[in-house]
Amino acid sequence: MLATAARQWWVLILQGVLGILFGIFALFNPDITIVSLALLFGAWAIVSGVASIAEGWRIAEHRGRAWPFALSGVVSIVAGIIAIVLPPAAISGLILFLGAWLVVSGLTEAYAAYKIRDEIDNEWLLAIAGIARAALGVIILVAPVVGVIFVVATVGWFAILGGLMAIALGMRLRRLNQAVGGMHRSATA
């Protein structure tokens, strides 16, 4: 399997270059990026909804209770259609959801740090991370534009970092492929 991956080293390098280009594009064109994310979310939600309904159908054939799957599927499909037809509404909803999630998860993390303070060292780092996450969530809820900027910047930078890692791995696989190729040539000589 490693030899097969090594022969395909160029795919990772191409992926890395495209990731870096996408990240740069995202950082310099945040309006297009956020609308694209809303449309991508819409497509994902529709596919997820159809899959949920199909799963419910299969379960109904065996157990007879499909309504939770059907409800989840319909809600996903409706959310997907709204995201595609009205990207600004989807963006607002996703940003507000992100803000709420950051507040809840941050407070939960800070509480967990408090509860385990006698069992671990440096629990204050966990508490500070949780409080910082909750504070970012509050900022996003109060100023959703900050949330949009945060999301686009995060997507852009993660794409660039992921691209750099893919290129580094591709280069390592290229060297491995060359080493394996050299071993094959010397073995046949």
Protein backbone atom coordinates (compact mmCIF):
# COMPACT_ATOMS: atom_id res chain seq x y z
CA MET A 1 0.00 0.00 0.00
CA LEU A 2 2.85 2.38 0.82
CA ALA A 3 4.47 1.64 -2.53
CA THR A 4 1.22 2.50 -4.29
CA ALA A 5 0.96 5.76 -2.35
CA ALA A 6 4.59 6.52 -3.15
CA ARG A 7 3.91 6.13 -6.88
CA GLN A 8 1.06 8.64 -6.57
CA TRP A 9 3.15 11.29 -4.77
CA TRP A 10 2.23 13.91 -7.34
CA VAL A 11 -1.45 13.74 -6.32
CA LEU A 12 -0.60 15.02 -2.84
CA ILE A 13 1.53 17.80 -4.26
CA LEU A 14 -1.29 18.82 -6.60
CA GLN A 15 -3.73 18.67 -3.68
CA GLY A 16 -1.37 20.83 -1.64
CA VAL A 17 -0.95 23.43 -4.35
CA LEU A 18 -4.71 23.61 -4.88
CA GLY A 19 -5.26 23.86 -1.12
CA ILE A 20 -2.83 26.76 -0.87
CA LEU A 21 -4.44 28.51 -3.85
CA PHE A 22 -7.90 27.99 -2.34
CA GLY A 23 -6.71 29.32 1.02
CA ILE A 24 -5.23 32.44 -0.55
CA PHE A 25 -8.41 32.92 -2.60
CA ALA A 26 -10.52 32.52 0.54
CA LEU A 27 -8.50 35.11 2.44
CA PHE A 28 -8.61 37.67 -0.38
CA ASN A 29 -12.23 37.04 -1.45
CA PRO A 30 -14.13 36.42 1.78
CA ASP A 31 -17.54 37.31 0.30
CA ILE A 32 -17.29 34.64 -2.42
CA THR A 33 -15.85 32.14 0.05
CA ILE A 34 -18.64 32.49 2.59
CA VAL A 35 -21.35 32.20 -0.09
CA SER A 36 -19.58 29.13 -1.46
CA LEU A 37 -19.55 27.62 2.02
CA ALA A 38 -23.27 28.30 2.37
CA LEU A 39 -23.94 26.62 -0.98
CA LEU A 40 -21.73 23.69 -0.05
CA PHE A 41 -23.58 23.37 3.26
CA GLY A 42 -26.87 23.44 1.33
CA ALA A 43 -25.78 20.61 -0.95
CA TRP A 44 -24.51 18.59 2.01
CA ALA A 45 -27.73 19.14 3.97
CA ILE A 46 -29.88 17.97 1.05
CA VAL A 47 -27.79 14.83 0.53
CA SER A 48 -27.78 14.18 4.28
CA GLY A 49 -31.55 14.63 4.42
CA VAL A 50 -32.17 12.22 1.57
CA ALA A 51 -29.84 9.70 3.24
CA SER A 52 -31.72 10.10 6.53
CA ILE A 53 -35.06 9.49 4.87
CA ALA A 54 -33.67 6.44 3.05
CA GLU A 55 -32.26 5.09 6.34
CA GLY A 56 -35.63 5.66 8.00
CA TRP A 57 -37.31 3.79 5.20
CA ARG A 58 -34.99 0.81 5.70
CA ILE A 59 -35.53 0.86 9.46
CA ALA A 60 -39.29 1.14 9.02
CA GLU A 61 -39.28 -2.08 7.00
CA HIS A 62 -37.73 -3.91 9.98
CA ARG A 63 -38.94 -2.09 13.09
CA GLY A 64 -41.75 0.19 11.97
CA ARG A 65 -40.49 3.49 13.45
CA ALA A 66 -39.17 5.78 10.77
CA TRP A 67 -40.57 9.16 11.82
CA PRO A 68 -37.40 10.40 13.62
CA PHE A 69 -35.37 9.74 10.48
CA ALA A 70 -38.04 11.22 8.25
CA LEU A 71 -38.27 14.36 10.41
CA SER A 72 -34.50 14.76 10.50
CA GLY A 73 -34.33 14.20 6.74
CA VAL A 74 -37.04 16.72 5.95
CA VAL A 75 -35.44 19.35 8.23
CA SER A 76 -32.07 18.76 6.55
CA ILE A 77 -33.56 19.04 3.07
CA VAL A 78 -35.42 22.24 3.98
CA ALA A 79 -32.25 23.71 5.53
CA GLY A 80 -30.32 22.77 2.38
CA ILE A 81 -32.86 24.37 0.08
CA ILE A 82 -32.89 27.55 2.21
CA ALA A 83 -29.08 27.64 2.13
CA ILE A 84 -29.03 27.34 -1.65
CA VAL A 85 -31.90 29.75 -2.33
CA LEU A 86 -31.03 32.27 0.41
CA PRO A 87 -27.29 32.02 1.17
CA PRO A 88 -27.31 35.11 3.46
CA ALA A 89 -29.92 33.47 5.71
CA ALA A 90 -27.86 30.28 5.84
CA ILE A 91 -24.72 32.24 6.61
CA SER A 92 -26.44 34.11 9.44
CA GLY A 93 -27.88 30.91 10.87
CA LEU A 94 -24.58 29.06 10.68
CA ILE A 95 -22.67 31.94 12.23
CA LEU A 96 -25.15 32.23 15.10
CA PHE A 97 -25.00 28.47 15.59
CA LEU A 98 -21.19 28.68 15.64
CA GLY A 99 -21.34 31.43 18.25
CA ALA A 100 -23.74 29.46 20.45
CA TRP A 101 -21.66 26.31 20.08
CA LEU A 102 -18.48 28.16 21.06
CA VAL A 103 -20.16 29.59 24.17
CA VAL A 104 -21.57 26.25 25.31
CA SER A 105 -18.45 24.21 24.55
CA GLY A 106 -16.19 26.85 26.09
CA LEU A 107 -18.18 27.04 29.32
CA THR A 108 -18.32 23.25 29.45
CA GLU A 109 -14.55 23.06 29.04
CA ALA A 110 -13.98 25.64 31.78
CA TYR A 111 -16.37 23.74 34.08
CA ALA A 112 -14.58 20.46 33.32
CA ALA A 113 -11.26 22.11 34.23
CA TYR A 114 -12.75 23.22 37.55
CA LYS A 115 -14.09 19.74 38.29
CA ILE A 116 -10.80 17.95 37.56
CA ARG A 117 -8.52 20.52 39.19
CA ASP A 118 -7.45 18.06 41.91
CA GLU A 119 -6.69 15.29 39.45
CA ILE A 120 -4.47 17.01 36.85
CA ASP A 121 -1.80 19.67 36.74
CA ASN A 122 -2.16 22.90 34.79
CA GLU A 123 -5.94 22.64 34.61
CA TRP A 124 -5.96 26.40 34.40
CA LEU A 125 -4.79 26.08 30.76
CA LEU A 126 -7.93 24.10 29.98
CA ALA A 127 -10.02 26.68 31.84
CA ILE A 128 -8.43 29.60 29.97
CA ALA A 129 -8.97 27.85 26.62
CA GLY A 130 -12.62 27.28 27.53
CA ILE A 131 -13.14 30.86 28.65
CA ALA A 132 -11.43 32.16 25.49
CA ARG A 133 -13.67 29.94 23.35
CA ALA A 134 -16.78 31.15 25.20
CA ALA A 135 -15.66 34.77 24.83
CA LEU A 136 -15.17 34.30 21.08
CA GLY A 137 -18.67 32.81 20.93
CA VAL A 138 -20.14 35.83 22.72
CA ILE A 139 -18.30 38.18 20.33
CA ILE A 140 -19.69 36.24 17.36
CA LEU A 141 -23.22 36.34 18.78
CA VAL A 142 -22.99 40.08 19.43
CA ALA A 143 -21.20 40.91 16.14
CA PRO A 144 -21.93 38.19 13.55
CA VAL A 145 -19.70 39.93 10.99
CA VAL A 146 -16.76 38.99 13.22
CA GLY A 147 -17.99 35.41 12.97
CA VAL A 148 -18.00 35.55 9.18
CA ILE A 149 -14.47 36.95 9.14
CA PHE A 150 -13.39 34.31 11.67
CA VAL A 151 -14.88 31.46 9.62
CA VAL A 152 -13.37 32.64 6.34
CA ALA A 153 -9.97 33.25 7.92
CA THR A 154 -10.04 29.84 9.60
CA VAL A 155 -11.01 28.07 6.37
CA GLY A 156 -8.35 29.98 4.43
CA TRP A 157 -5.53 29.34 6.89
CA PHE A 158 -6.46 25.68 7.37
CA ALA A 159 -6.48 25.23 3.59
CA ILE A 160 -3.03 26.81 3.34
CA LEU A 161 -1.62 24.74 6.23
CA GLY A 162 -3.23 21.58 4.89
CA GLY A 163 -1.78 22.34 1.47
CA LEU A 164 1.70 22.79 2.90
CA MET A 165 1.41 19.50 4.79
CA ALA A 166 0.18 17.71 1.65
CA ILE A 167 3.13 19.06 -0.33
CA ALA A 168 5.56 17.97 2.40
CA LEU A 169 4.05 14.49 2.47
CA GLY A 170 4.05 14.33 -1.33
CA MET A 171 7.74 15.21 -1.39
CA ARG A 172 8.49 12.49 1.19
CA LEU A 173 6.54 9.98 -0.88
CA ARG A 174 8.43 11.10 -3.99
CA ARG A 175 11.75 10.42 -2.26
CA LEU A 176 10.44 7.04 -1.10
CA ASN A 177 9.28 6.24 -4.63
CA GLN A 178 12.73 7.13 -5.98
CA ALA A 179 14.40 4.98 -3.31
CA VAL A 180 12.10 2.02 -4.04
CA GLY A 181 12.65 2.50 -7.78
CA GLY A 182 16.41 2.49 -7.24
CA MET A 183 16.19 -0.71 -5.20
CA HIS A 184 14.17 -2.38 -7.96
CA ARG A 185 16.67 -1.32 -10.63
CA SER A 186 19.65 -2.63 -8.62
CA ALA A 187 17.83 -5.89 -7.83
CA THR A 188 17.16 -6.58 -11.51
CA ALA A 189 20.73 -5.76 -12.58
